[in-house]
């Protein structure tokens, strides 16, 4: 099976090129967020990810919705991925309970301001099912993700994480791990290649930190549909500026004849 691009609202992201480029938005205030969104959108990534766990007013749903509309306006034709990264998987501490997070996801999904949502597949099964249902009801793509900021799990576990996202009916499976050696980086790329060949959904993968930075440049060769690049500020260790990512990907694509 050939690696697949991410499809948002019926259109393949980046016209089907692998990998598409996503830039995070991590501003803490409404004013800073709008400025960041405009500045990053000007760099023309294929996707913007609003990491709402960085947002100081995350507990104010009306303000989140107003800011989501402002980000959408600043983004123009660039779609937006909405993400609350759980603290146990590298996110920021937030003053919300999980039921409140689910209510926020429902409100944002209903607002029409985003094209996709990210939710950790390790969350409570009922919560994953609820987010799966609400994204479908609003026509949004669901990224089910797994992050390990300490290690790169064994091959069998990496394979199982990708498989689990498919079993849970994700639209996209994402696995991000921290390498302790170059062998770990190699294993992550191998798991990506296996997953992209056997799953019926697109996959995203990355090996984080300095050791894993190469995966953000060459991951598309192994089937990763998306890479995360720095527009204004990074959301995870090892992210590379958008211009550098595009240059590296272009070189690899020319060399490969694509």
Protein backbone atom coordinates (compact mmCIF):
# COMPACT_ATOMS: atom_id res chain seq x y z
CA UNK A 1 0.00 0.00 0.00
CA UNK A 2 1.33 3.44 -0.94
CA UNK A 3 1.77 6.15 1.71
CA UNK A 4 -1.22 8.46 1.77
CA UNK A 5 -1.56 12.23 2.15
CA UNK A 6 -3.76 13.79 4.80
CA UNK A 7 -7.18 14.81 3.51
CA UNK A 8 -8.92 17.83 5.05
CA UNK A 9 -12.46 18.74 4.03
CA UNK A 10 -12.17 16.54 0.96
CA UNK A 11 -8.87 17.96 -0.31
CA UNK A 12 -5.41 16.40 0.03
CA UNK A 13 -3.12 18.57 2.12
CA UNK A 14 -0.25 20.15 0.16
CA UNK A 15 -1.83 18.85 -3.07
CA UNK A 16 -0.84 15.35 -1.95
CA UNK A 17 2.89 16.00 -1.53
CA UNK A 18 4.65 14.12 1.28
CA UNK A 19 5.48 15.45 3.70
CA UNK A 20 3.23 18.45 4.11
CA UNK A 21 4.61 21.10 6.47
CA UNK A 22 2.84 22.12 9.69
CA UNK A 23 3.89 25.07 11.86
CA UNK A 24 2.78 25.37 15.51
CA UNK A 25 1.22 28.41 17.17
CA UNK A 26 2.21 28.63 20.84
CA UNK A 27 1.44 32.21 21.88
CA UNK A 28 0.01 32.68 25.36
CA UNK A 29 -2.25 35.73 24.91
CA UNK A 30 -4.95 36.58 22.34
CA UNK A 31 -2.98 39.53 20.99
CA UNK A 32 0.24 37.56 20.66
CA UNK A 33 -1.60 34.65 19.07
CA UNK A 34 -3.06 36.80 16.28
CA UNK A 35 0.34 38.34 15.59
CA UNK A 36 1.99 34.91 15.59
CA UNK A 37 -0.65 33.45 13.27
CA UNK A 38 -0.21 36.27 10.77
CA UNK A 39 3.59 36.03 10.84
CA UNK A 40 3.67 32.26 10.48
CA UNK A 41 0.96 32.19 7.79
CA UNK A 42 3.11 34.56 5.75
CA UNK A 43 5.73 31.78 5.58
CA UNK A 44 3.13 29.60 3.82
CA UNK A 45 3.17 26.32 5.71
CA UNK A 46 0.59 23.80 4.55
CA UNK A 47 -1.05 23.59 7.98
CA UNK A 48 -1.11 25.59 11.20
CA UNK A 49 -1.42 23.83 14.55
CA UNK A 50 -2.88 25.86 17.39
CA UNK A 51 -1.47 24.40 20.59
CA UNK A 52 -4.20 25.71 22.85
CA UNK A 53 -2.55 24.25 25.97
CA UNK A 54 -0.09 27.18 25.75
CA UNK A 55 -2.99 29.67 25.74
CA UNK A 56 -3.36 31.47 29.08
CA UNK A 57 -7.12 31.93 28.63
CA UNK A 58 -7.91 28.34 27.73
CA UNK A 59 -10.52 28.20 30.51
CA UNK A 60 -12.50 31.02 28.84
CA UNK A 61 -14.40 29.24 26.08
CA UNK A 62 -15.72 32.48 24.55
CA UNK A 63 -12.16 33.80 24.31
CA UNK A 64 -10.90 30.54 22.80
CA UNK A 65 -13.63 30.69 20.15
CA UNK A 66 -12.88 34.35 19.41
CA UNK A 67 -9.20 33.54 19.10
CA UNK A 68 -9.94 30.54 16.89
CA UNK A 69 -11.85 32.83 14.54
CA UNK A 70 -8.95 35.31 14.57
CA UNK A 71 -6.46 32.55 13.78
CA UNK A 72 -8.68 31.30 10.96
CA UNK A 73 -8.85 34.80 9.49
CA UNK A 74 -5.08 35.27 9.75
CA UNK A 75 -4.49 31.83 8.23
CA UNK A 76 -6.47 32.62 5.11
CA UNK A 77 -6.52 29.47 2.98
CA UNK A 78 -4.21 27.55 5.33
CA UNK A 79 -6.18 24.98 7.37
CA UNK A 80 -5.86 24.83 11.16
CA UNK A 81 -5.27 21.82 13.42
CA UNK A 82 -6.56 22.28 16.99
CA UNK A 83 -4.57 20.57 19.71
CA UNK A 84 -4.66 20.40 23.49
CA UNK A 85 -1.56 18.40 24.23
CA UNK A 86 -1.95 16.43 27.46
CA UNK A 87 0.68 17.22 30.07
CA UNK A 88 1.69 13.56 30.39
CA UNK A 89 2.62 13.63 26.69
CA UNK A 90 4.62 16.85 26.75
CA UNK A 91 1.87 19.47 26.94
CA UNK A 92 1.45 22.42 29.27
CA UNK A 93 -0.42 22.29 32.55
CA UNK A 94 -3.93 23.71 32.12
CA UNK A 95 -6.74 24.62 34.57
CA UNK A 96 -9.29 22.29 32.95
CA UNK A 97 -10.63 18.88 33.85
CA UNK A 98 -10.92 16.29 31.10
CA UNK A 99 -14.72 16.78 30.83
CA UNK A 100 -14.03 20.50 30.37
CA UNK A 101 -11.46 19.71 27.66
CA UNK A 102 -14.05 17.62 25.85
CA UNK A 103 -16.59 20.45 26.09
CA UNK A 104 -13.99 22.84 24.65
CA UNK A 105 -13.30 20.46 21.76
CA UNK A 106 -17.03 20.26 21.05
CA UNK A 107 -17.37 24.06 21.05
CA UNK A 108 -14.39 24.57 18.75
CA UNK A 109 -15.49 21.77 16.41
CA UNK A 110 -18.94 23.35 16.12
CA UNK A 111 -17.46 26.79 15.43
CA UNK A 112 -16.24 25.92 11.94
CA UNK A 113 -12.86 27.51 12.59
CA UNK A 114 -10.62 24.43 12.32
CA UNK A 115 -10.17 21.59 9.84
CA UNK A 116 -8.74 18.94 12.15
CA UNK A 117 -8.23 18.04 15.79
CA UNK A 118 -5.51 16.12 17.61
CA UNK A 119 -6.29 13.94 20.62
CA UNK A 120 -4.06 11.42 22.38
CA UNK A 121 -5.03 7.81 21.75
CA UNK A 122 -3.96 7.04 25.34
CA UNK A 123 -6.80 9.10 26.79
CA UNK A 124 -9.76 7.31 28.36
CA UNK A 125 -11.46 5.09 25.79
CA UNK A 126 -14.82 6.83 26.25
CA UNK A 127 -13.17 10.23 25.72
CA UNK A 128 -11.48 9.05 22.51
CA UNK A 129 -14.83 7.74 21.27
CA UNK A 130 -16.49 11.06 22.12
CA UNK A 131 -13.89 13.07 20.20
CA UNK A 132 -14.12 10.60 17.30
CA UNK A 133 -17.89 11.15 17.19
CA UNK A 134 -17.77 14.94 17.42
CA UNK A 135 -15.11 15.33 14.74
CA UNK A 136 -17.11 13.15 12.39
CA UNK A 137 -20.31 15.05 13.09
CA UNK A 138 -18.59 18.32 12.17
CA UNK A 139 -16.65 17.01 9.17
CA UNK A 140 -13.20 17.32 10.78
CA UNK A 141 -10.20 15.03 10.48
CA UNK A 142 -9.08 13.36 13.70
CA UNK A 143 -5.39 12.83 14.44
CA UNK A 144 -4.94 10.23 17.17
CA UNK A 145 -1.47 10.68 18.60
CA UNK A 146 1.11 9.14 20.90
CA UNK A 147 4.16 10.94 22.35
CA UNK A 148 7.04 9.65 24.46
CA UNK A 149 9.48 12.40 25.45
CA UNK A 150 11.74 9.97 27.34
CA UNK A 151 12.50 7.11 24.99
CA UNK A 152 11.84 5.26 21.76
CA UNK A 153 9.76 2.18 22.57
CA UNK A 154 10.65 -1.26 21.16
CA UNK A 155 9.67 -1.98 17.57
CA UNK A 156 6.64 -4.04 18.56
CA UNK A 157 5.27 -1.17 20.63
CA UNK A 158 5.88 1.37 17.86
CA UNK A 159 3.99 -0.88 15.46
CA UNK A 160 1.21 -1.31 18.02
CA UNK A 161 0.80 2.45 18.50
CA UNK A 162 0.22 3.01 14.80
CA UNK A 163 -2.15 0.02 14.68
CA UNK A 164 -4.09 1.29 17.69
CA UNK A 165 -4.82 4.61 15.99
CA UNK A 166 -6.26 2.73 13.04
CA UNK A 167 -8.31 0.48 15.32
CA UNK A 168 -9.75 3.56 17.03
CA UNK A 169 -10.83 4.89 13.62
CA UNK A 170 -8.44 7.81 13.44
CA UNK A 171 -8.20 9.69 10.17
CA UNK A 172 -4.46 10.10 10.81
CA UNK A 173 -2.08 8.17 13.11
CA UNK A 174 0.74 10.13 14.78
CA UNK A 175 3.70 8.76 16.76
CA UNK A 176 6.44 11.02 18.19
CA UNK A 177 9.25 9.61 20.33
CA UNK A 178 12.59 10.63 21.83
CA UNK A 179 15.73 8.84 20.65
CA UNK A 180 18.62 7.91 22.89
CA UNK A 181 20.77 6.76 19.96
CA UNK A 182 20.91 6.83 16.18
CA UNK A 183 19.62 3.27 16.26
CA UNK A 184 16.42 4.61 17.83
CA UNK A 185 16.08 7.09 14.96
CA UNK A 186 16.54 4.27 12.47
CA UNK A 187 13.93 2.14 14.22
CA UNK A 188 11.37 4.98 14.18
CA UNK A 189 11.83 5.41 10.44
CA UNK A 190 11.44 1.67 9.96
CA UNK A 191 8.23 1.64 11.96
CA UNK A 192 6.95 4.55 9.86
CA UNK A 193 7.68 2.71 6.64
CA UNK A 194 5.90 -0.40 7.90
CA UNK A 195 2.87 1.55 9.13
CA UNK A 196 2.53 3.62 5.97
CA UNK A 197 2.56 0.43 3.93
CA UNK A 198 -0.04 -1.51 5.88
CA UNK A 199 -2.48 1.05 7.34
CA UNK A 200 -5.37 2.45 5.35
CA UNK A 201 -4.87 5.93 6.86
CA UNK A 202 -2.02 8.47 6.63
CA UNK A 203 0.69 8.34 9.28
CA UNK A 204 2.80 11.05 10.89
CA UNK A 205 5.99 10.27 12.74
CA UNK A 206 9.02 11.99 14.16
CA UNK A 207 12.02 11.28 16.30
CA UNK A 208 12.44 14.35 18.52
CA UNK A 209 15.44 16.31 19.74
CA UNK A 210 18.71 16.95 17.97
CA UNK A 211 19.37 13.29 17.19
CA UNK A 212 15.98 12.95 15.55
CA UNK A 213 15.99 16.19 13.55
CA UNK A 214 16.82 14.27 10.39
CA UNK A 215 13.41 12.57 10.56
CA UNK A 216 11.74 15.95 10.19
CA UNK A 217 13.55 16.37 6.88
CA UNK A 218 13.44 12.87 5.40
CA UNK A 219 10.34 11.40 7.08
CA UNK A 220 8.29 11.79 3.94
CA UNK A 221 10.58 9.35 2.15
CA UNK A 222 9.54 6.72 4.70
CA UNK A 223 5.84 7.55 4.47
CA UNK A 224 5.27 10.28 7.04
CA UNK A 225 2.55 12.55 5.67
CA UNK A 226 3.41 15.60 7.78
CA UNK A 227 6.42 17.24 9.35
CA UNK A 228 6.40 19.96 11.99
CA UNK A 229 8.58 23.02 11.39
CA UNK A 230 9.24 26.23 13.29
CA UNK A 231 7.41 29.30 12.11
CA UNK A 232 7.78 31.55 15.16
CA UNK A 233 8.56 29.29 18.12
CA UNK A 234 8.91 25.50 18.47
CA UNK A 235 6.35 23.30 20.19
CA UNK A 236 8.72 20.33 20.59
CA UNK A 237 12.49 19.77 20.63
CA UNK A 238 14.27 19.33 17.32
CA UNK A 239 11.88 21.31 15.12
CA UNK A 240 13.60 23.00 12.16
CA UNK A 241 12.68 26.35 10.52
CA UNK A 242 10.12 26.12 7.70
CA UNK A 243 12.51 27.39 5.01
CA UNK A 244 15.14 24.79 5.93
CA UNK A 245 12.59 21.99 5.89
CA UNK A 246 11.26 23.01 2.50
CA UNK A 247 14.80 23.21 1.07
CA UNK A 248 15.74 19.77 2.37
CA UNK A 249 12.49 18.16 1.22
CA UNK A 250 12.88 19.75 -2.22
CA UNK A 251 16.42 18.38 -2.57
CA UNK A 252 15.28 14.89 -1.60
CA UNK A 253 12.32 15.01 -3.99
CA UNK A 254 14.47 16.18 -6.90
CA UNK A 255 17.04 13.48 -6.18
CA UNK A 256 14.28 10.89 -6.06
CA UNK A 257 12.76 12.10 -9.30
CA UNK A 258 9.45 13.20 -7.74
